[in-house]
Amino acid sequence: CIFPIFLFFFYRKSLGRSSVRSRMSLKSPKAYNSLQKGAVIWDPKPLQVKKIFEALKKGLNEYLEAHQAELDYLSGRHKDTKRNSRLAFYYDLDKQIRSVDRYIRKLEFHISKVEELYEAYCIQCRLRDGATNMKHAFSLSPSTKASRESLVELYKNFQECTEDMCFIEGALEVHLGEFHLKMKGLVGFARLCPGDQYEVFVRLGRQKWRLKGKIETDDSQTWDEEEKIFIPSLHEKFEIKVTELRGLATILVGVVTCDSINFFTTKPQAIIVDITELGTIKLQLEVLW
């Protein structure tokens, strides 16, 4: 088994942690302090990263197709305008075409960058799995000096692969964009009465949004804040907590979690979440990516 082990170490060294990171760029070096040298490394989540990557790539391709269709439409009008229209309108159309074309180039680069990051992530994941399998094989064989040294080296490579995967997760998270949440109100039919006051608390990791609302006499709702921007996370889910305010007392209505995988799309998503177990009170949000 010496030859496969040699191949593993050679391949691991050929990639190298530094070479992996030299190919990745972060928008802000302070954005991921937990990735700095000597920091505690969390456990990578390859299955979750795969789901987010596929949803992200699908959403980016939707944006690309939409803008490509817009470019084709403008280009067709551009040809007709060149033959029979005012010169000022022709140049304005030409300006729109150049703007859409630049945006398409940015989208294509964005998609290629995401694919590059995920490809590097998959390589490190396979290397990490290989180190795990080889550690298990060595643990079943008789203990010798050579095997103990190999186990130490395997453990070191396992740790390096884990650290690289976490670093790439952080770099990939930079490319997830933004979620614009808009409060649409509570839906509760007979459960909502004029004068009732509620507090809604939305959390995504360390990001928080707390807003208060009141049911008016005409059954309309007023909220002290209606929109909030959240930065998507690879591992965190939205946590939504609703409480009813009664004077100095607060009554918990319900707490729910909501996955964000389906939010990576070009169209605004209307979300209706059951706050109570029986669904007697629902929260309605709109999410735009």
Foldseek 3Di string as FASTA:
>chain_A
DVVVLVVLVVVLVVCDLVNLVVVFDAPDPPPCPQLDPPHDFDFDDLVLLVLLLVLQLVLLVQVLVVLVVVLVVLVVVLVVCVVDHDPVVNVVSVVVNVVSVVVNVVSVVLSVNSVVLVVSLVVLVVSLVVLVVVLVVLVVDDDDPVSVVSNVVSVVSNVSSSSSNRVSLSSNLSSRDKKKKFFPFKDFVVVAAAFKKKWKWKDWPPDIDIKIWGQHHVRDMDIPDTIDMDRDHSPTWIKMWMWIDDPPDIHTQAIDTHHCSNQSHQDKDWDWAQRHPVSNMITIMIIHD
